[in-house]
N, C-alpha and C. Protein backbone atom coordinates (compact mmCIF):
# COMPACT_ATOMS: atom_id res chain seq x y z
N UNK A 1 24.87 11.84 -14.07
CA UNK A 1 25.11 11.71 -12.65
C UNK A 1 25.92 12.91 -12.19
N UNK A 2 25.75 13.32 -10.96
CA UNK A 2 26.49 14.46 -10.43
C UNK A 2 27.96 14.10 -10.28
N UNK A 3 28.82 15.13 -10.36
CA UNK A 3 30.26 14.90 -10.29
C UNK A 3 30.72 14.50 -8.89
N UNK A 4 29.99 14.93 -7.86
CA UNK A 4 30.42 14.58 -6.50
C UNK A 4 29.21 14.15 -5.68
N UNK A 5 29.49 13.56 -4.54
CA UNK A 5 28.42 13.09 -3.68
C UNK A 5 27.88 14.23 -2.84
N UNK A 6 26.60 14.27 -2.71
CA UNK A 6 25.93 15.26 -1.89
C UNK A 6 25.51 14.63 -0.58
N UNK A 7 25.27 15.46 0.43
CA UNK A 7 24.68 14.96 1.66
C UNK A 7 23.23 14.58 1.35
N UNK A 8 22.65 13.81 2.24
CA UNK A 8 21.25 13.40 2.02
C UNK A 8 20.32 14.60 1.94
N UNK A 9 20.55 15.59 2.79
CA UNK A 9 19.67 16.77 2.77
C UNK A 9 19.85 17.55 1.47
N UNK A 10 21.08 17.62 0.97
CA UNK A 10 21.30 18.29 -0.32
C UNK A 10 20.61 17.51 -1.45
N UNK A 11 20.70 16.19 -1.38
CA UNK A 11 20.02 15.37 -2.38
C UNK A 11 18.52 15.60 -2.33
N UNK A 12 17.96 15.65 -1.12
CA UNK A 12 16.52 15.89 -0.98
C UNK A 12 16.13 17.22 -1.59
N UNK A 13 16.96 18.24 -1.39
CA UNK A 13 16.66 19.56 -1.95
C UNK A 13 16.69 19.49 -3.48
N UNK A 14 17.69 18.83 -4.03
CA UNK A 14 17.80 18.70 -5.48
C UNK A 14 16.63 17.89 -6.06
N UNK A 15 16.26 16.82 -5.37
CA UNK A 15 15.13 16.00 -5.82
C UNK A 15 13.85 16.82 -5.78
N UNK A 16 13.70 17.64 -4.75
CA UNK A 16 12.51 18.51 -4.64
C UNK A 16 12.41 19.44 -5.84
N UNK A 17 13.55 19.78 -6.42
CA UNK A 17 13.59 20.65 -7.60
C UNK A 17 13.44 19.85 -8.90
N UNK A 18 13.25 18.52 -8.77
CA UNK A 18 13.04 17.68 -9.95
C UNK A 18 14.30 17.10 -10.55
N UNK A 19 15.41 17.13 -9.83
CA UNK A 19 16.69 16.64 -10.34
C UNK A 19 16.73 15.11 -10.34
N UNK A 20 16.61 14.52 -11.53
CA UNK A 20 16.56 13.06 -11.63
C UNK A 20 17.90 12.41 -11.31
N UNK A 21 19.00 13.09 -11.61
CA UNK A 21 20.32 12.53 -11.30
C UNK A 21 20.51 12.41 -9.79
N UNK A 22 20.00 13.39 -9.04
CA UNK A 22 20.08 13.33 -7.58
C UNK A 22 19.22 12.17 -7.06
N UNK A 23 18.08 11.98 -7.70
CA UNK A 23 17.20 10.87 -7.31
C UNK A 23 17.90 9.54 -7.53
N UNK A 24 18.57 9.40 -8.69
CA UNK A 24 19.30 8.16 -8.97
C UNK A 24 20.40 7.94 -7.94
N UNK A 25 21.11 9.02 -7.59
CA UNK A 25 22.17 8.90 -6.59
C UNK A 25 21.61 8.40 -5.26
N UNK A 26 20.47 8.95 -4.86
CA UNK A 26 19.83 8.51 -3.61
C UNK A 26 19.44 7.04 -3.71
N UNK A 27 18.86 6.66 -4.84
CA UNK A 27 18.44 5.27 -5.05
C UNK A 27 19.63 4.32 -4.98
N UNK A 28 20.71 4.65 -5.68
CA UNK A 28 21.86 3.76 -5.71
C UNK A 28 22.64 3.76 -4.39
N UNK A 29 22.45 4.79 -3.60
CA UNK A 29 23.08 4.82 -2.27
C UNK A 29 22.31 3.94 -1.30
N UNK A 30 20.99 4.10 -1.26
CA UNK A 30 20.20 3.42 -0.24
C UNK A 30 19.58 2.08 -0.69
N UNK A 31 19.31 1.92 -1.97
CA UNK A 31 18.70 0.68 -2.43
C UNK A 31 19.43 -0.57 -1.94
N UNK A 32 20.74 -0.66 -2.18
CA UNK A 32 21.48 -1.85 -1.72
C UNK A 32 21.49 -1.99 -0.19
N UNK A 33 21.50 -0.87 0.53
CA UNK A 33 21.48 -0.93 1.99
C UNK A 33 20.15 -1.47 2.51
N UNK A 34 19.07 -1.18 1.79
CA UNK A 34 17.74 -1.56 2.25
C UNK A 34 17.39 -3.03 1.94
N UNK A 35 18.08 -3.63 0.97
CA UNK A 35 17.74 -5.00 0.57
C UNK A 35 17.74 -5.99 1.73
N UNK A 36 18.83 -6.07 2.53
CA UNK A 36 18.82 -7.06 3.61
C UNK A 36 17.72 -6.78 4.64
N UNK A 37 17.41 -5.51 4.85
CA UNK A 37 16.38 -5.14 5.82
C UNK A 37 15.00 -5.63 5.36
N UNK A 38 14.69 -5.41 4.07
CA UNK A 38 13.40 -5.85 3.54
C UNK A 38 13.30 -7.38 3.59
N UNK A 39 14.38 -8.07 3.23
CA UNK A 39 14.38 -9.53 3.29
C UNK A 39 14.15 -9.99 4.73
N UNK A 40 14.80 -9.33 5.66
CA UNK A 40 14.63 -9.68 7.08
C UNK A 40 13.19 -9.47 7.53
N UNK A 41 12.58 -8.37 7.11
CA UNK A 41 11.21 -8.06 7.53
C UNK A 41 10.18 -8.98 6.89
N UNK A 42 10.30 -9.21 5.59
CA UNK A 42 9.26 -9.95 4.86
C UNK A 42 9.54 -11.44 4.77
N UNK A 43 10.80 -11.83 4.87
CA UNK A 43 11.22 -13.22 4.69
C UNK A 43 10.95 -13.72 3.27
N UNK A 44 10.75 -12.77 2.33
CA UNK A 44 10.45 -13.14 0.94
C UNK A 44 11.37 -12.34 0.02
N UNK A 45 12.54 -12.90 -0.33
CA UNK A 45 13.48 -12.16 -1.19
C UNK A 45 12.88 -11.69 -2.50
N UNK A 46 11.92 -12.45 -3.04
CA UNK A 46 11.35 -12.12 -4.35
C UNK A 46 10.62 -10.78 -4.37
N UNK A 47 10.14 -10.29 -3.23
CA UNK A 47 9.39 -9.03 -3.22
C UNK A 47 10.27 -7.83 -2.86
N UNK A 48 11.53 -8.09 -2.55
CA UNK A 48 12.42 -7.03 -2.08
C UNK A 48 12.54 -5.88 -3.07
N UNK A 49 12.79 -6.20 -4.32
CA UNK A 49 12.96 -5.15 -5.33
C UNK A 49 11.69 -4.31 -5.48
N UNK A 50 10.53 -4.97 -5.47
CA UNK A 50 9.27 -4.24 -5.61
C UNK A 50 9.06 -3.27 -4.44
N UNK A 51 9.34 -3.72 -3.23
CA UNK A 51 9.15 -2.87 -2.05
C UNK A 51 10.11 -1.69 -2.09
N UNK A 52 11.35 -1.93 -2.48
CA UNK A 52 12.32 -0.84 -2.55
C UNK A 52 11.92 0.16 -3.65
N UNK A 53 11.49 -0.35 -4.80
CA UNK A 53 11.06 0.55 -5.87
C UNK A 53 9.84 1.36 -5.44
N UNK A 54 8.89 0.73 -4.76
CA UNK A 54 7.71 1.45 -4.28
C UNK A 54 8.11 2.52 -3.26
N UNK A 55 9.09 2.22 -2.43
CA UNK A 55 9.59 3.19 -1.45
C UNK A 55 10.12 4.44 -2.16
N UNK A 56 10.95 4.22 -3.17
CA UNK A 56 11.54 5.37 -3.87
C UNK A 56 10.54 6.07 -4.76
N UNK A 57 9.55 5.34 -5.26
CA UNK A 57 8.48 5.99 -6.01
C UNK A 57 7.75 6.98 -5.09
N UNK A 58 7.53 6.58 -3.86
CA UNK A 58 6.86 7.48 -2.90
C UNK A 58 7.72 8.69 -2.59
N UNK A 59 9.04 8.51 -2.56
CA UNK A 59 9.94 9.65 -2.37
C UNK A 59 9.74 10.64 -3.51
N UNK A 60 9.76 10.13 -4.73
CA UNK A 60 9.62 11.01 -5.90
C UNK A 60 8.26 11.71 -5.91
N UNK A 61 7.21 10.96 -5.53
CA UNK A 61 5.86 11.53 -5.51
C UNK A 61 5.69 12.56 -4.38
N UNK A 62 6.57 12.52 -3.39
CA UNK A 62 6.48 13.44 -2.24
C UNK A 62 7.56 14.52 -2.30
N UNK A 63 8.01 14.84 -3.50
CA UNK A 63 9.12 15.79 -3.66
C UNK A 63 8.89 17.10 -2.92
N UNK A 64 7.64 17.57 -2.91
CA UNK A 64 7.35 18.86 -2.29
C UNK A 64 7.64 18.86 -0.78
N UNK A 65 7.65 17.69 -0.15
CA UNK A 65 7.89 17.61 1.30
C UNK A 65 9.37 17.51 1.66
N UNK A 66 10.20 17.15 0.69
CA UNK A 66 11.60 16.81 0.98
C UNK A 66 12.43 17.92 1.62
N UNK A 67 12.29 19.20 1.21
CA UNK A 67 13.15 20.22 1.82
C UNK A 67 12.95 20.36 3.34
N UNK A 68 11.78 20.03 3.85
CA UNK A 68 11.52 20.18 5.28
C UNK A 68 11.91 18.98 6.12
N UNK A 69 12.46 17.95 5.51
CA UNK A 69 12.81 16.74 6.27
C UNK A 69 14.21 16.87 6.85
N UNK A 70 14.26 16.79 8.18
CA UNK A 70 15.54 16.98 8.90
C UNK A 70 16.45 15.76 8.81
N UNK A 71 15.87 14.57 8.88
CA UNK A 71 16.67 13.35 8.87
C UNK A 71 16.22 12.44 7.73
N UNK A 72 16.79 12.63 6.54
CA UNK A 72 16.34 11.87 5.36
C UNK A 72 16.40 10.36 5.54
N UNK A 73 17.47 9.84 6.14
CA UNK A 73 17.59 8.39 6.29
C UNK A 73 16.44 7.83 7.14
N UNK A 74 16.14 8.48 8.24
CA UNK A 74 15.03 8.02 9.09
C UNK A 74 13.71 8.07 8.34
N UNK A 75 13.52 9.13 7.56
CA UNK A 75 12.29 9.28 6.79
C UNK A 75 12.17 8.17 5.76
N UNK A 76 13.29 7.87 5.06
CA UNK A 76 13.30 6.78 4.09
C UNK A 76 12.98 5.44 4.76
N UNK A 77 13.58 5.22 5.93
CA UNK A 77 13.32 3.96 6.64
C UNK A 77 11.87 3.84 7.06
N UNK A 78 11.26 4.96 7.44
CA UNK A 78 9.85 4.94 7.82
C UNK A 78 8.98 4.49 6.63
N UNK A 79 9.29 5.04 5.45
CA UNK A 79 8.55 4.64 4.25
C UNK A 79 8.80 3.17 3.94
N UNK A 80 10.05 2.75 4.04
CA UNK A 80 10.40 1.35 3.76
C UNK A 80 9.67 0.40 4.71
N UNK A 81 9.63 0.74 5.99
CA UNK A 81 8.91 -0.09 6.96
C UNK A 81 7.43 -0.13 6.62
N UNK A 82 6.87 1.01 6.26
CA UNK A 82 5.45 1.07 5.92
C UNK A 82 5.16 0.16 4.72
N UNK A 83 6.00 0.23 3.69
CA UNK A 83 5.80 -0.59 2.50
C UNK A 83 5.94 -2.08 2.84
N UNK A 84 6.91 -2.41 3.67
CA UNK A 84 7.12 -3.81 4.05
C UNK A 84 5.93 -4.34 4.84
N UNK A 85 5.45 -3.55 5.79
CA UNK A 85 4.34 -4.01 6.62
C UNK A 85 3.03 -4.01 5.83
N UNK A 86 2.89 -3.11 4.87
CA UNK A 86 1.71 -3.16 4.00
C UNK A 86 1.70 -4.46 3.21
N UNK A 87 2.87 -4.86 2.72
CA UNK A 87 2.97 -6.13 2.01
C UNK A 87 2.57 -7.29 2.93
N UNK A 88 3.10 -7.30 4.16
CA UNK A 88 2.78 -8.37 5.10
C UNK A 88 1.29 -8.39 5.44
N UNK A 89 0.69 -7.20 5.56
CA UNK A 89 -0.74 -7.11 5.87
C UNK A 89 -1.56 -7.68 4.71
N UNK A 90 -1.18 -7.32 3.47
CA UNK A 90 -1.88 -7.86 2.30
C UNK A 90 -1.76 -9.38 2.25
N UNK A 91 -0.57 -9.89 2.59
CA UNK A 91 -0.36 -11.34 2.59
C UNK A 91 -1.24 -12.00 3.65
N UNK A 92 -1.38 -11.34 4.80
CA UNK A 92 -2.22 -11.90 5.87
C UNK A 92 -3.68 -11.95 5.42
N UNK A 93 -4.14 -10.89 4.75
CA UNK A 93 -5.52 -10.86 4.23
C UNK A 93 -5.69 -11.97 3.20
N UNK A 94 -4.71 -12.09 2.32
CA UNK A 94 -4.74 -13.12 1.29
C UNK A 94 -4.82 -14.51 1.95
N UNK A 95 -3.97 -14.74 2.95
CA UNK A 95 -3.93 -16.04 3.62
C UNK A 95 -5.24 -16.32 4.36
N UNK A 96 -5.79 -15.27 4.99
CA UNK A 96 -7.06 -15.42 5.71
C UNK A 96 -8.16 -15.87 4.74
N UNK A 97 -8.23 -15.22 3.59
CA UNK A 97 -9.25 -15.57 2.61
C UNK A 97 -9.00 -16.97 2.04
N UNK A 98 -7.75 -17.30 1.77
CA UNK A 98 -7.41 -18.63 1.26
C UNK A 98 -7.82 -19.70 2.27
N UNK A 99 -7.55 -19.45 3.55
CA UNK A 99 -7.91 -20.40 4.60
C UNK A 99 -9.42 -20.59 4.67
N UNK A 100 -10.17 -19.49 4.56
CA UNK A 100 -11.63 -19.59 4.59
C UNK A 100 -12.15 -20.37 3.39
N UNK A 101 -11.57 -20.09 2.23
CA UNK A 101 -12.00 -20.79 1.03
C UNK A 101 -11.61 -22.27 1.10
N UNK A 102 -10.42 -22.54 1.60
CA UNK A 102 -9.94 -23.92 1.69
C UNK A 102 -10.73 -24.72 2.73
N UNK A 103 -11.35 -24.03 3.68
CA UNK A 103 -12.13 -24.71 4.73
C UNK A 103 -13.37 -25.38 4.15
N UNK A 104 -13.79 -24.93 2.97
CA UNK A 104 -14.94 -25.54 2.31
C UNK A 104 -14.48 -26.89 1.73
N UNK A 105 -15.01 -27.97 2.27
CA UNK A 105 -14.54 -29.31 1.90
C UNK A 105 -14.77 -29.61 0.41
N UNK A 106 -15.79 -28.99 -0.20
CA UNK A 106 -16.10 -29.27 -1.60
C UNK A 106 -15.23 -28.47 -2.56
N UNK A 107 -14.45 -27.54 -2.04
CA UNK A 107 -13.70 -26.62 -2.89
C UNK A 107 -12.34 -27.20 -3.26
N UNK A 108 -12.06 -27.29 -4.54
CA UNK A 108 -10.75 -27.69 -5.02
C UNK A 108 -10.11 -26.43 -5.62
N UNK A 109 -9.11 -25.89 -4.96
CA UNK A 109 -8.51 -24.63 -5.37
C UNK A 109 -7.31 -24.91 -6.27
N UNK A 110 -7.47 -24.70 -7.56
CA UNK A 110 -6.40 -24.98 -8.51
C UNK A 110 -5.39 -23.84 -8.54
N UNK A 111 -4.26 -24.10 -9.18
CA UNK A 111 -3.24 -23.07 -9.34
C UNK A 111 -3.80 -21.89 -10.12
N UNK A 112 -4.58 -22.19 -11.15
CA UNK A 112 -5.18 -21.13 -11.96
C UNK A 112 -6.10 -20.25 -11.11
N UNK A 113 -6.88 -20.87 -10.25
CA UNK A 113 -7.78 -20.10 -9.37
C UNK A 113 -6.97 -19.27 -8.37
N UNK A 114 -5.87 -19.82 -7.88
CA UNK A 114 -5.02 -19.08 -6.94
C UNK A 114 -4.43 -17.84 -7.62
N UNK A 115 -4.03 -17.99 -8.89
CA UNK A 115 -3.50 -16.85 -9.64
C UNK A 115 -4.60 -15.80 -9.84
N UNK A 116 -5.80 -16.25 -10.16
CA UNK A 116 -6.92 -15.33 -10.35
C UNK A 116 -7.24 -14.61 -9.03
N UNK A 117 -7.16 -15.33 -7.94
CA UNK A 117 -7.42 -14.75 -6.63
C UNK A 117 -6.40 -13.64 -6.32
N UNK A 118 -5.11 -13.94 -6.59
CA UNK A 118 -4.06 -12.95 -6.36
C UNK A 118 -4.28 -11.72 -7.25
N UNK A 119 -4.69 -11.95 -8.49
CA UNK A 119 -4.97 -10.83 -9.40
C UNK A 119 -6.13 -9.99 -8.88
N UNK A 120 -7.12 -10.65 -8.29
CA UNK A 120 -8.26 -9.93 -7.71
C UNK A 120 -7.81 -9.04 -6.57
N UNK A 121 -6.95 -9.57 -5.70
CA UNK A 121 -6.43 -8.76 -4.60
C UNK A 121 -5.66 -7.54 -5.12
N UNK A 122 -4.89 -7.75 -6.18
CA UNK A 122 -4.15 -6.62 -6.78
C UNK A 122 -5.11 -5.57 -7.31
N UNK A 123 -6.18 -6.02 -7.97
CA UNK A 123 -7.18 -5.08 -8.49
C UNK A 123 -7.89 -4.33 -7.37
N UNK A 124 -8.15 -5.01 -6.27
CA UNK A 124 -8.78 -4.34 -5.12
C UNK A 124 -7.86 -3.23 -4.62
N UNK A 125 -6.56 -3.51 -4.53
CA UNK A 125 -5.61 -2.47 -4.08
C UNK A 125 -5.59 -1.29 -5.05
N UNK A 126 -5.65 -1.58 -6.36
CA UNK A 126 -5.70 -0.50 -7.36
C UNK A 126 -6.96 0.33 -7.18
N UNK A 127 -8.08 -0.36 -6.94
CA UNK A 127 -9.37 0.33 -6.77
C UNK A 127 -9.33 1.24 -5.55
N UNK A 128 -8.70 0.78 -4.49
CA UNK A 128 -8.58 1.60 -3.27
C UNK A 128 -7.78 2.86 -3.57
N UNK A 129 -6.69 2.70 -4.33
CA UNK A 129 -5.87 3.86 -4.69
C UNK A 129 -6.63 4.85 -5.57
N UNK A 130 -7.64 4.38 -6.29
CA UNK A 130 -8.42 5.24 -7.18
C UNK A 130 -9.53 6.00 -6.45
N UNK A 131 -9.78 5.65 -5.19
CA UNK A 131 -10.82 6.35 -4.43
C UNK A 131 -10.43 7.81 -4.20
N UNK A 132 -11.42 8.70 -4.03
CA UNK A 132 -11.08 10.09 -3.66
C UNK A 132 -10.30 10.08 -2.34
N UNK A 133 -9.42 11.08 -2.14
CA UNK A 133 -8.54 11.07 -0.96
C UNK A 133 -9.25 10.86 0.38
N UNK A 134 -10.34 11.58 0.62
CA UNK A 134 -11.03 11.44 1.92
C UNK A 134 -11.64 10.04 2.06
N UNK A 135 -12.25 9.54 1.00
CA UNK A 135 -12.85 8.20 1.03
C UNK A 135 -11.76 7.15 1.24
N UNK A 136 -10.63 7.31 0.55
CA UNK A 136 -9.53 6.37 0.70
C UNK A 136 -9.02 6.37 2.14
N UNK A 137 -8.90 7.55 2.70
CA UNK A 137 -8.41 7.66 4.08
C UNK A 137 -9.35 6.94 5.05
N UNK A 138 -10.64 7.17 4.90
CA UNK A 138 -11.64 6.52 5.76
C UNK A 138 -11.56 5.00 5.57
N UNK A 139 -11.49 4.57 4.32
CA UNK A 139 -11.45 3.15 4.01
C UNK A 139 -10.22 2.48 4.64
N UNK A 140 -9.06 3.12 4.47
CA UNK A 140 -7.83 2.53 5.01
C UNK A 140 -7.81 2.54 6.53
N UNK A 141 -8.35 3.58 7.15
CA UNK A 141 -8.43 3.60 8.61
C UNK A 141 -9.29 2.44 9.09
N UNK A 142 -10.35 2.15 8.36
CA UNK A 142 -11.24 1.05 8.73
C UNK A 142 -10.60 -0.30 8.45
N UNK A 143 -10.11 -0.50 7.23
CA UNK A 143 -9.67 -1.82 6.82
C UNK A 143 -8.24 -2.16 7.23
N UNK A 144 -7.32 -1.19 7.13
CA UNK A 144 -5.93 -1.50 7.44
C UNK A 144 -5.60 -1.24 8.91
N UNK A 145 -6.19 -0.20 9.47
CA UNK A 145 -5.89 0.13 10.86
C UNK A 145 -6.87 -0.54 11.82
N UNK A 146 -7.97 -1.08 11.28
CA UNK A 146 -8.94 -1.78 12.11
C UNK A 146 -9.78 -0.89 13.00
N UNK A 147 -9.88 0.39 12.63
CA UNK A 147 -10.64 1.32 13.47
C UNK A 147 -12.13 1.19 13.20
N UNK A 148 -12.91 1.38 14.25
CA UNK A 148 -14.37 1.32 14.16
C UNK A 148 -14.89 2.68 13.67
N UNK A 149 -16.13 2.68 13.18
CA UNK A 149 -16.73 3.90 12.62
C UNK A 149 -16.67 5.08 13.60
N UNK A 150 -17.03 4.91 14.88
CA UNK A 150 -16.97 6.06 15.80
C UNK A 150 -15.54 6.59 16.00
N UNK A 151 -14.55 5.69 15.98
CA UNK A 151 -13.16 6.12 16.13
C UNK A 151 -12.72 6.95 14.93
N UNK A 152 -13.09 6.49 13.74
CA UNK A 152 -12.73 7.22 12.52
C UNK A 152 -13.43 8.58 12.51
N UNK A 153 -14.70 8.59 12.88
CA UNK A 153 -15.46 9.84 12.91
C UNK A 153 -14.81 10.84 13.85
N UNK A 154 -14.39 10.38 15.03
CA UNK A 154 -13.74 11.28 15.99
C UNK A 154 -12.40 11.78 15.46
N UNK A 155 -11.62 10.87 14.86
CA UNK A 155 -10.30 11.24 14.36
C UNK A 155 -10.38 12.27 13.23
N UNK A 156 -11.39 12.13 12.37
CA UNK A 156 -11.50 13.01 11.20
C UNK A 156 -12.51 14.14 11.38
N UNK A 157 -13.08 14.24 12.58
CA UNK A 157 -14.10 15.26 12.88
C UNK A 157 -15.28 15.17 11.90
N UNK A 158 -15.77 13.96 11.73
CA UNK A 158 -16.91 13.71 10.86
C UNK A 158 -18.00 13.01 11.67
N UNK A 159 -19.21 13.00 11.15
CA UNK A 159 -20.26 12.26 11.84
C UNK A 159 -20.10 10.77 11.53
N UNK A 160 -20.49 9.91 12.47
CA UNK A 160 -20.41 8.47 12.21
C UNK A 160 -21.18 8.07 10.95
N UNK A 161 -22.30 8.74 10.70
CA UNK A 161 -23.09 8.45 9.51
C UNK A 161 -22.31 8.74 8.23
N UNK A 162 -21.58 9.84 8.23
CA UNK A 162 -20.76 10.20 7.06
C UNK A 162 -19.71 9.14 6.81
N UNK A 163 -19.08 8.66 7.89
CA UNK A 163 -18.05 7.63 7.76
C UNK A 163 -18.67 6.34 7.21
N UNK A 164 -19.79 5.94 7.78
CA UNK A 164 -20.46 4.72 7.34
C UNK A 164 -20.85 4.80 5.86
N UNK A 165 -21.45 5.93 5.46
CA UNK A 165 -21.84 6.11 4.06
C UNK A 165 -20.63 6.08 3.13
N UNK A 166 -19.53 6.68 3.57
CA UNK A 166 -18.32 6.69 2.78
C UNK A 166 -17.79 5.26 2.57
N UNK A 167 -17.82 4.47 3.63
CA UNK A 167 -17.36 3.08 3.52
C UNK A 167 -18.23 2.27 2.55
N UNK A 168 -19.52 2.45 2.64
CA UNK A 168 -20.43 1.73 1.74
C UNK A 168 -20.18 2.16 0.29
N UNK A 169 -20.03 3.48 0.06
CA UNK A 169 -19.75 3.97 -1.30
C UNK A 169 -18.41 3.43 -1.81
N UNK A 170 -17.42 3.37 -0.93
CA UNK A 170 -16.10 2.87 -1.33
C UNK A 170 -16.18 1.41 -1.74
N UNK A 171 -16.91 0.61 -0.97
CA UNK A 171 -17.06 -0.81 -1.31
C UNK A 171 -17.76 -0.98 -2.66
N UNK A 172 -18.78 -0.15 -2.90
CA UNK A 172 -19.48 -0.20 -4.19
C UNK A 172 -18.53 0.21 -5.33
N UNK A 173 -17.71 1.25 -5.09
CA UNK A 173 -16.77 1.72 -6.12
C UNK A 173 -15.73 0.64 -6.42
N UNK A 174 -15.26 -0.05 -5.38
CA UNK A 174 -14.27 -1.11 -5.57
C UNK A 174 -14.89 -2.27 -6.35
N UNK A 175 -16.12 -2.61 -6.00
CA UNK A 175 -16.80 -3.69 -6.71
C UNK A 175 -16.99 -3.32 -8.18
N UNK A 176 -17.36 -2.07 -8.45
CA UNK A 176 -17.55 -1.59 -9.83
C UNK A 176 -16.22 -1.67 -10.60
N UNK A 177 -15.14 -1.28 -9.93
CA UNK A 177 -13.80 -1.33 -10.54
C UNK A 177 -13.47 -2.76 -10.95
N UNK A 178 -13.78 -3.71 -10.06
CA UNK A 178 -13.52 -5.12 -10.36
C UNK A 178 -14.38 -5.61 -11.52
N UNK A 179 -15.65 -5.21 -11.51
CA UNK A 179 -16.54 -5.63 -12.59
C UNK A 179 -16.07 -5.10 -13.93
N UNK A 180 -15.60 -3.85 -13.95
CA UNK A 180 -15.08 -3.25 -15.18
C UNK A 180 -13.88 -4.03 -15.70
N UNK A 181 -13.09 -4.58 -14.77
CA UNK A 181 -11.92 -5.36 -15.15
C UNK A 181 -12.27 -6.82 -15.45
N UNK A 182 -13.57 -7.14 -15.35
CA UNK A 182 -14.00 -8.49 -15.67
C UNK A 182 -14.07 -9.45 -14.51
N UNK A 183 -13.93 -8.93 -13.29
CA UNK A 183 -14.00 -9.77 -12.10
C UNK A 183 -15.31 -9.50 -11.38
N UNK A 184 -16.07 -10.54 -11.12
CA UNK A 184 -17.31 -10.38 -10.38
C UNK A 184 -17.06 -10.97 -8.99
N UNK A 185 -17.14 -10.11 -8.00
CA UNK A 185 -16.88 -10.52 -6.62
C UNK A 185 -18.09 -10.19 -5.78
N UNK A 186 -18.67 -11.16 -5.09
CA UNK A 186 -19.82 -10.85 -4.24
C UNK A 186 -19.47 -9.78 -3.20
N UNK A 187 -20.44 -8.93 -2.93
CA UNK A 187 -20.23 -7.82 -2.00
C UNK A 187 -19.74 -8.33 -0.64
N UNK A 188 -20.35 -9.43 -0.16
CA UNK A 188 -19.97 -9.94 1.15
C UNK A 188 -18.53 -10.43 1.17
N UNK A 189 -18.05 -10.99 0.03
CA UNK A 189 -16.69 -11.48 -0.04
C UNK A 189 -15.72 -10.31 -0.07
N UNK A 190 -16.08 -9.25 -0.77
CA UNK A 190 -15.27 -8.04 -0.79
C UNK A 190 -15.13 -7.49 0.63
N UNK A 191 -16.24 -7.48 1.36
CA UNK A 191 -16.22 -7.00 2.75
C UNK A 191 -15.33 -7.89 3.60
N UNK A 192 -15.35 -9.20 3.32
CA UNK A 192 -14.54 -10.15 4.07
C UNK A 192 -13.06 -9.91 3.84
N UNK A 193 -12.68 -9.70 2.58
CA UNK A 193 -11.26 -9.50 2.26
C UNK A 193 -10.69 -8.33 3.06
N UNK A 194 -11.48 -7.28 3.16
CA UNK A 194 -10.98 -6.08 3.83
C UNK A 194 -11.76 -5.79 5.09
N UNK A 195 -12.44 -6.79 5.59
CA UNK A 195 -13.23 -6.60 6.80
C UNK A 195 -12.38 -6.55 8.05
N UNK A 196 -13.04 -6.15 9.14
CA UNK A 196 -12.32 -6.04 10.41
C UNK A 196 -12.38 -7.35 11.14
């Protein structure tokens, strides 16, 4: 650990240079401050540590951007909010699918099936992260931001056909990822989970 405390901007500069001790100092400074905020946002204390760790993982993965950040605390909060709302969005998708499945009167959803369902959602998220950057961006704009194909095409300066083809390829890649992991998910259900 460093002998003295650095300002946030100094810490960001040191972290950008790969200084792990500076990273730990940043984590131990802000981690405890962020806990009540994450609990307030998500209402789920059990996920707080995961969201905070994911926030700081993103800081470490974005080291090259750190020297240009004028207000480190605001930047950290932006990432924390994004992680918290991503969690809430995933929970909403999960709940939507559970409600649809539960609406089937013949369906008895056991605890084991619920665990398998949650594991499937986790695998879908992993598969999305494995997509090529442009495909992932198109997919997330469609599924998480709720944008239509023409809106995405305009935003990314692509043809609507290119966007549509990318989405179809992404869905096939996600399905393949699930099959490789031993999960068989109908294409229509995959579309439903992440549909608009």
